[in-house]
Amino acid sequence: MQITLEADYAVRCLAYLKDHKDGVCVLGDISKDTKIPAAFLSKILQKMIKRGLVKSTKGKNGGFALAKDPGNIS
């Protein structure tokens, strides 16, 4: 079975956010640690926000975090 590159990156991003659930993660850190290009990651995160998987926070201490408990994401 083959999955798209976007789906692969989305799963990597969700796994990263699950491992860092103690706070919000900034785009640059997620991009660097998962080796996903920042521009592409930004688009993927926006799609996951619209679907209710990820939440974003604006401002100085802003970033991204899981919107649901990891056990409720399939």
PDB file of N, CA and C in Angstrom:
ATOM      1  N   MET A   1       0.837  -1.172   0.000  1.00  0.00           N
ATOM      2  CA  MET A   1       0.000   0.000   0.000  1.00  0.00           C
ATOM      3  C   MET A   1       0.886   1.241   0.000  1.00  0.00           C
ATOM      4  N   GLN A   2       0.560   2.190  -0.829  1.00  0.00           N
ATOM      5  CA  GLN A   2       1.315   3.433  -0.882  1.00  0.00           C
ATOM      6  C   GLN A   2       0.454   4.575  -0.343  1.00  0.00           C
ATOM      7  N   ILE A   3       1.100   5.462   0.377  1.00  0.00           N
ATOM      8  CA  ILE A   3       0.408   6.663   0.844  1.00  0.00           C
ATOM      9  C   ILE A   3       1.119   7.865   0.246  1.00  0.00           C
ATOM     10  N   THR A   4       0.418   8.966   0.216  1.00  0.00           N
ATOM     11  CA  THR A   4       1.009  10.174  -0.359  1.00  0.00           C
ATOM     12  C   THR A   4       2.066  10.735   0.589  1.00  0.00           C
ATOM     13  N   LEU A   5       2.924  11.553   0.050  1.00  0.00           N
ATOM     14  CA  LEU A   5       3.936  12.213   0.860  1.00  0.00           C
ATOM     15  C   LEU A   5       3.271  13.101   1.901  1.00  0.00           C
ATOM     16  N   GLU A   6       2.179  13.747   1.520  1.00  0.00           N
ATOM     17  CA  GLU A   6       1.455  14.601   2.458  1.00  0.00           C
ATOM     18  C   GLU A   6       0.920  13.792   3.639  1.00  0.00           C
ATOM     19  N   ALA A   7       0.378  12.615   3.377  1.00  0.00           N
ATOM     20  CA  ALA A   7      -0.134  11.763   4.454  1.00  0.00           C
ATOM     21  C   ALA A   7       1.003  11.296   5.361  1.00  0.00           C
ATOM     22  N   ASP A   8       2.136  10.948   4.776  1.00  0.00           N
ATOM     23  CA  ASP A   8       3.303  10.537   5.550  1.00  0.00           C
ATOM     24  C   ASP A   8       3.749  11.663   6.473  1.00  0.00           C
ATOM     25  N   TYR A   9       3.837  12.855   5.942  1.00  0.00           N
ATOM     26  CA  TYR A   9       4.241  14.012   6.737  1.00  0.00           C
ATOM     27  C   TYR A   9       3.219  14.318   7.835  1.00  0.00           C
ATOM     28  N   ALA A  10       1.939  14.176   7.527  1.00  0.00           N
ATOM     29  CA  ALA A  10       0.896  14.442   8.521  1.00  0.00           C
ATOM     30  C   ALA A  10       1.015  13.476   9.692  1.00  0.00           C
ATOM     31  N   VAL A  11       1.267  12.219   9.405  1.00  0.00           N
ATOM     32  CA  VAL A  11       1.424  11.221  10.469  1.00  0.00           C
ATOM     33  C   VAL A  11       2.663  11.534  11.296  1.00  0.00           C
ATOM     34  N   ARG A  12       3.760  11.899  10.632  1.00  0.00           N
ATOM     35  CA  ARG A  12       4.982  12.276  11.365  1.00  0.00           C
ATOM     36  C   ARG A  12       4.723  13.458  12.287  1.00  0.00           C
ATOM     37  N   CYS A  13       3.994  14.438  11.787  1.00  0.00           N
ATOM     38  CA  CYS A  13       3.696  15.628  12.565  1.00  0.00           C
ATOM     39  C   CYS A  13       2.827  15.289  13.775  1.00  0.00           C
ATOM     40  N   LEU A  14       1.805  14.471  13.575  1.00  0.00           N
ATOM     41  CA  LEU A  14       0.946  14.065  14.686  1.00  0.00           C
ATOM     42  C   LEU A  14       1.742  13.295  15.742  1.00  0.00           C
ATOM     43  N   ALA A  15       2.636  12.422  15.305  1.00  0.00           N
ATOM     44  CA  ALA A  15       3.463  11.670  16.249  1.00  0.00           C
ATOM     45  C   ALA A  15       4.375  12.613  17.031  1.00  0.00           C
ATOM     46  N   TYR A  16       4.920  13.611  16.358  1.00  0.00           N
ATOM     47  CA  TYR A  16       5.777  14.591  17.026  1.00  0.00           C
ATOM     48  C   TYR A  16       4.981  15.361  18.077  1.00  0.00           C
ATOM     49  N   LEU A  17       3.795  15.811  17.718  1.00  0.00           N
ATOM     50  CA  LEU A  17       2.973  16.558  18.659  1.00  0.00           C
ATOM     51  C   LEU A  17       2.540  15.684  19.840  1.00  0.00           C
ATOM     52  N   LYS A  18       2.313  14.406  19.587  1.00  0.00           N
ATOM     53  CA  LYS A  18       1.960  13.484  20.666  1.00  0.00           C
ATOM     54  C   LYS A  18       3.108  13.372  21.663  1.00  0.00           C
ATOM     55  N   ASP A  19       4.316  13.308  21.160  1.00  0.00           N
ATOM     56  CA  ASP A  19       5.491  13.189  22.028  1.00  0.00           C
ATOM     57  C   ASP A  19       5.801  14.475  22.777  1.00  0.00           C
ATOM     58  N   HIS A  20       5.266  15.597  22.314  1.00  0.00           N
ATOM     59  CA  HIS A  20       5.509  16.901  22.942  1.00  0.00           C
ATOM     60  C   HIS A  20       4.203  17.505  23.448  1.00  0.00           C
ATOM     61  N   LYS A  21       3.355  16.674  24.043  1.00  0.00           N
ATOM     62  CA  LYS A  21       2.028  17.135  24.457  1.00  0.00           C
ATOM     63  C   LYS A  21       2.046  18.015  25.699  1.00  0.00           C
ATOM     64  N   ASP A  22       3.225  18.233  26.280  1.00  0.00           N
ATOM     65  CA  ASP A  22       3.320  19.064  27.474  1.00  0.00           C
ATOM     66  C   ASP A  22       3.211  20.556  27.167  1.00  0.00           C
ATOM     67  N   GLY A  23       3.276  20.935  25.912  1.00  0.00           N
ATOM     68  CA  GLY A  23       3.181  22.348  25.551  1.00  0.00           C
ATOM     69  C   GLY A  23       2.959  22.516  24.070  1.00  0.00           C
ATOM     70  N   VAL A  24       3.027  23.752  23.618  1.00  0.00           N
ATOM     71  CA  VAL A  24       2.870  24.022  22.196  1.00  0.00           C
ATOM     72  C   VAL A  24       4.224  23.945  21.499  1.00  0.00           C
ATOM     73  N   CYS A  25       4.211  23.555  20.252  1.00  0.00           N
ATOM     74  CA  CYS A  25       5.427  23.408  19.453  1.00  0.00           C
ATOM     75  C   CYS A  25       5.391  24.418  18.313  1.00  0.00           C
ATOM     76  N   VAL A  26       6.500  25.064  18.073  1.00  0.00           N
ATOM     77  CA  VAL A  26       6.567  26.036  16.986  1.00  0.00           C
ATOM     78  C   VAL A  26       6.878  25.330  15.671  1.00  0.00           C
ATOM     79  N   LEU A  27       6.437  25.939  14.600  1.00  0.00           N
ATOM     80  CA  LEU A  27       6.585  25.361  13.267  1.00  0.00           C
ATOM     81  C   LEU A  27       8.031  25.001  12.954  1.00  0.00           C
ATOM     82  N   GLY A  28       8.961  25.897  13.270  1.00  0.00           N
ATOM     83  CA  GLY A  28      10.371  25.650  12.955  1.00  0.00           C
ATOM     84  C   GLY A  28      10.922  24.417  13.634  1.00  0.00           C
ATOM     85  N   ASP A  29      10.553  24.199  14.889  1.00  0.00           N
ATOM     86  CA  ASP A  29      11.027  23.014  15.612  1.00  0.00           C
ATOM     87  C   ASP A  29      10.439  21.738  15.035  1.00  0.00           C
ATOM     88  N   ILE A  30       9.149  21.774  14.730  1.00  0.00           N
ATOM     89  CA  ILE A  30       8.511  20.589  14.144  1.00  0.00           C
ATOM     90  C   ILE A  30       9.167  20.271  12.806  1.00  0.00           C
ATOM     91  N   SER A  31       9.359  21.288  11.986  1.00  0.00           N
ATOM     92  CA  SER A  31       9.955  21.118  10.666  1.00  0.00           C
ATOM     93  C   SER A  31      11.359  20.533  10.766  1.00  0.00           C
ATOM     94  N   LYS A  32      12.161  21.095  11.645  1.00  0.00           N
ATOM     95  CA  LYS A  32      13.547  20.642  11.789  1.00  0.00           C
ATOM     96  C   LYS A  32      13.619  19.209  12.308  1.00  0.00           C
ATOM     97  N   ASP A  33      12.849  18.911  13.344  1.00  0.00           N
ATOM     98  CA  ASP A  33      12.930  17.593  13.977  1.00  0.00           C
ATOM     99  C   ASP A  33      12.313  16.476  13.147  1.00  0.00           C
ATOM    100  N   THR A  34      11.316  16.804  12.321  1.00  0.00           N
ATOM    101  CA  THR A  34      10.677  15.779  11.492  1.00  0.00           C
ATOM    102  C   THR A  34      11.207  15.756  10.067  1.00  0.00           C
ATOM    103  N   LYS A  35      12.065  16.726   9.738  1.00  0.00           N
ATOM    104  CA  LYS A  35      12.641  16.854   8.390  1.00  0.00           C
ATOM    105  C   LYS A  35      11.557  17.052   7.324  1.00  0.00           C
ATOM    106  N   ILE A  36      10.545  17.870   7.685  1.00  0.00           N
ATOM    107  CA  ILE A  36       9.476  18.236   6.762  1.00  0.00           C
ATOM    108  C   ILE A  36       9.697  19.698   6.374  1.00  0.00           C
ATOM    109  N   PRO A  37       9.706  20.018   5.078  1.00  0.00           N
ATOM    110  CA  PRO A  37       9.868  21.421   4.673  1.00  0.00           C
ATOM    111  C   PRO A  37       8.808  22.308   5.328  1.00  0.00           C
ATOM    112  N   ALA A  38       9.235  23.437   5.880  1.00  0.00           N
ATOM    113  CA  ALA A  38       8.356  24.307   6.659  1.00  0.00           C
ATOM    114  C   ALA A  38       7.138  24.784   5.869  1.00  0.00           C
ATOM    115  N   ALA A  39       7.324  25.145   4.616  1.00  0.00           N
ATOM    116  CA  ALA A  39       6.201  25.648   3.813  1.00  0.00           C
ATOM    117  C   ALA A  39       5.138  24.561   3.624  1.00  0.00           C
ATOM    118  N   PHE A  40       5.587  23.338   3.355  1.00  0.00           N
ATOM    119  CA  PHE A  40       4.661  22.224   3.162  1.00  0.00           C
ATOM    120  C   PHE A  40       4.006  21.855   4.495  1.00  0.00           C
ATOM    121  N   LEU A  41       4.781  21.876   5.567  1.00  0.00           N
ATOM    122  CA  LEU A  41       4.252  21.568   6.893  1.00  0.00           C
ATOM    123  C   LEU A  41       3.173  22.558   7.291  1.00  0.00           C
ATOM    124  N   SER A  42       3.365  23.809   6.973  1.00  0.00           N
ATOM    125  CA  SER A  42       2.372  24.836   7.288  1.00  0.00           C
ATOM    126  C   SER A  42       1.031  24.517   6.636  1.00  0.00           C
ATOM    127  N   LYS A  43       1.057  24.109   5.385  1.00  0.00           N
ATOM    128  CA  LYS A  43      -0.169  23.756   4.673  1.00  0.00           C
ATOM    129  C   LYS A  43      -0.831  22.521   5.285  1.00  0.00           C
ATOM    130  N   ILE A  44      -0.015  21.542   5.662  1.00  0.00           N
ATOM    131  CA  ILE A  44      -0.539  20.320   6.278  1.00  0.00           C
ATOM    132  C   ILE A  44      -1.182  20.640   7.626  1.00  0.00           C
ATOM    133  N   LEU A  45      -0.511  21.470   8.421  1.00  0.00           N
ATOM    134  CA  LEU A  45      -1.055  21.840   9.723  1.00  0.00           C
ATOM    135  C   LEU A  45      -2.381  22.576   9.584  1.00  0.00           C
ATOM    136  N   GLN A  46      -2.502  23.445   8.591  1.00  0.00           N
ATOM    137  CA  GLN A  46      -3.759  24.164   8.383  1.00  0.00           C
ATOM    138  C   GLN A  46      -4.899  23.190   8.075  1.00  0.00           C
ATOM    139  N   LYS A  47      -4.617  22.164   7.293  1.00  0.00           N
ATOM    140  CA  LYS A  47      -5.642  21.160   6.994  1.00  0.00           C
ATOM    141  C   LYS A  47      -6.030  20.393   8.256  1.00  0.00           C
ATOM    142  N   MET A  48      -5.046  20.065   9.089  1.00  0.00           N
ATOM    143  CA  MET A  48      -5.342  19.323  10.314  1.00  0.00           C
ATOM    144  C   MET A  48      -6.087  20.185  11.332  1.00  0.00           C
ATOM    145  N   ILE A  49      -5.841  21.495  11.314  1.00  0.00           N
ATOM    146  CA  ILE A  49      -6.586  22.409  12.181  1.00  0.00           C
ATOM    147  C   ILE A  49      -8.052  22.432  11.758  1.00  0.00           C
ATOM    148  N   LYS A  50      -8.311  22.517  10.463  1.00  0.00           N
ATOM    149  CA  LYS A  50      -9.686  22.540   9.954  1.00  0.00           C
ATOM    150  C   LYS A  50     -10.438  21.254  10.288  1.00  0.00           C
ATOM    151  N   ARG A  51      -9.707  20.138  10.368  1.00  0.00           N
ATOM    152  CA  ARG A  51     -10.328  18.848  10.669  1.00  0.00           C
ATOM    153  C   ARG A  51     -10.403  18.564  12.174  1.00  0.00           C
ATOM    154  N   GLY A  52      -9.919  19.506  12.975  1.00  0.00           N
ATOM    155  CA  GLY A  52     -10.024  19.363  14.415  1.00  0.00           C
ATOM    156  C   GLY A  52      -8.992  18.465  15.074  1.00  0.00           C
ATOM    157  N   LEU A  53      -7.921  18.136  14.364  1.00  0.00           N
ATOM    158  CA  LEU A  53      -6.880  17.290  14.939  1.00  0.00           C
ATOM    159  C   LEU A  53      -5.827  18.090  15.685  1.00  0.00           C
ATOM    160  N   VAL A  54      -5.580  19.296  15.217  1.00  0.00           N
ATOM    161  CA  VAL A  54      -4.533  20.157  15.780  1.00  0.00           C
ATOM    162  C   VAL A  54      -5.154  21.500  16.116  1.00  0.00           C
ATOM    163  N   LYS A  55      -4.638  22.124  17.162  1.00  0.00           N
ATOM    164  CA  LYS A  55      -5.067  23.484  17.493  1.00  0.00           C
ATOM    165  C   LYS A  55      -3.841  24.387  17.424  1.00  0.00           C
ATOM    166  N   SER A  56      -4.086  25.635  17.110  1.00  0.00           N
ATOM    167  CA  SER A  56      -2.982  26.583  17.032  1.00  0.00           C
ATOM    168  C   SER A  56      -3.238  27.732  17.995  1.00  0.00           C
ATOM    169  N   THR A  57      -2.152  28.306  18.475  1.00  0.00           N
ATOM    170  CA  THR A  57      -2.214  29.448  19.372  1.00  0.00           C
ATOM    171  C   THR A  57      -1.332  30.528  18.789  1.00  0.00           C
ATOM    172  N   LYS A  58      -1.857  31.734  18.743  1.00  0.00           N
ATOM    173  CA  LYS A  58      -1.091  32.856  18.202  1.00  0.00           C
ATOM    174  C   LYS A  58      -0.375  33.591  19.322  1.00  0.00           C
ATOM    175  N   GLY A  59       0.620  34.370  18.946  1.00  0.00           N
ATOM    176  CA  GLY A  59       1.299  35.210  19.914  1.00  0.00           C
ATOM    177  C   GLY A  59       2.693  34.741  20.257  1.00  0.00           C
ATOM    178  N   LYS A  60       3.267  35.404  21.236  1.00  0.00           N
ATOM    179  CA  LYS A  60       4.648  35.147  21.632  1.00  0.00           C
ATOM    180  C   LYS A  60       4.866  33.692  22.053  1.00  0.00           C
ATOM    181  N   ASN A  61       3.935  33.142  22.791  1.00  0.00           N
ATOM    182  CA  ASN A  61       4.053  31.759  23.252  1.00  0.00           C
ATOM    183  C   ASN A  61       3.193  30.820  22.426  1.00  0.00           C
ATOM    184  N   GLY A  62       2.933  31.188  21.184  1.00  0.00           N
ATOM    185  CA  GLY A  62       2.059  30.416  20.318  1.00  0.00           C
ATOM    186  C   GLY A  62       2.751  29.240  19.662  1.00  0.00           C
ATOM    187  N   GLY A  63       1.941  28.424  19.027  1.00  0.00           N
ATOM    188  CA  GLY A  63       2.445  27.262  18.317  1.00  0.00           C
ATOM    189  C   GLY A  63       1.316  26.289  18.052  1.00  0.00           C
ATOM    190  N   PHE A  64       1.660  25.019  17.956  1.00  0.00           N
ATOM    191  CA  PHE A  64       0.704  23.983  17.610  1.00  0.00           C
ATOM    192  C   PHE A  64       0.710  22.897  18.667  1.00  0.00           C
ATOM    193  N   ALA A  65      -0.457  22.299  18.872  1.00  0.00           N
ATOM    194  CA  ALA A  65      -0.614  21.193  19.808  1.00  0.00           C
ATOM    195  C   ALA A  65      -1.768  20.316  19.326  1.00  0.00           C
ATOM    196  N   LEU A  66      -1.835  19.104  19.832  1.00  0.00           N
ATOM    197  CA  LEU A  66      -2.948  18.238  19.491  1.00  0.00           C
ATOM    198  C   LEU A  66      -4.235  18.807  20.076  1.00  0.00           C
ATOM    199  N   ALA A  67      -5.310  18.731  19.317  1.00  0.00           N
ATOM    200  CA  ALA A  67      -6.594  19.238  19.772  1.00  0.00           C
ATOM    201  C   ALA A  67      -7.382  18.159  20.512  1.00  0.00           C
ATOM    202  N   LYS A  68      -6.980  16.904  20.347  1.00  0.00           N
ATOM    203  CA  LYS A  68      -7.675  15.778  20.962  1.00  0.00           C
ATOM    204  C   LYS A  68      -6.672  14.921  21.713  1.00  0.00           C
ATOM    205  N   ASP A  69      -7.189  14.072  22.563  1.00  0.00           N
ATOM    206  CA  ASP A  69      -6.364  13.073  23.203  1.00  0.00           C
ATOM    207  C   ASP A  69      -5.819  12.139  22.116  1.00  0.00           C
ATOM    208  N   PRO A  70      -4.535  11.780  22.169  1.00  0.00           N
ATOM    209  CA  PRO A  70      -3.968  10.929  21.114  1.00  0.00           C
ATOM    210  C   PRO A  70      -4.712   9.607  20.931  1.00  0.00           C
ATOM    211  N   GLY A  71      -5.313   9.086  21.987  1.00  0.00           N
ATOM    212  CA  GLY A  71      -6.064   7.829  21.882  1.00  0.00           C
ATOM    213  C   GLY A  71      -7.354   7.962  21.078  1.00  0.00           C
ATOM    214  N   ASN A  72      -7.812   9.183  20.860  1.00  0.00           N
ATOM    215  CA  ASN A  72      -9.033   9.430  20.103  1.00  0.00           C
ATOM    216  C   ASN A  72      -8.778   9.803  18.651  1.00  0.00           C
ATOM    217  N   ILE A  73      -7.545   9.703  18.211  1.00  0.00           N
ATOM    218  CA  ILE A  73      -7.195  10.018  16.823  1.00  0.00           C
ATOM    219  C   ILE A  73      -6.923   8.708  16.098  1.00  0.00           C
ATOM    220  N   SER A  74      -7.626   8.505  15.003  1.00  0.00           N
ATOM    221  CA  SER A  74      -7.397   7.274  14.218  1.00  0.00           C
ATOM    222  C   SER A  74      -7.140   7.620  12.770  1.00  0.00           C
TER     223      SER A  74
END
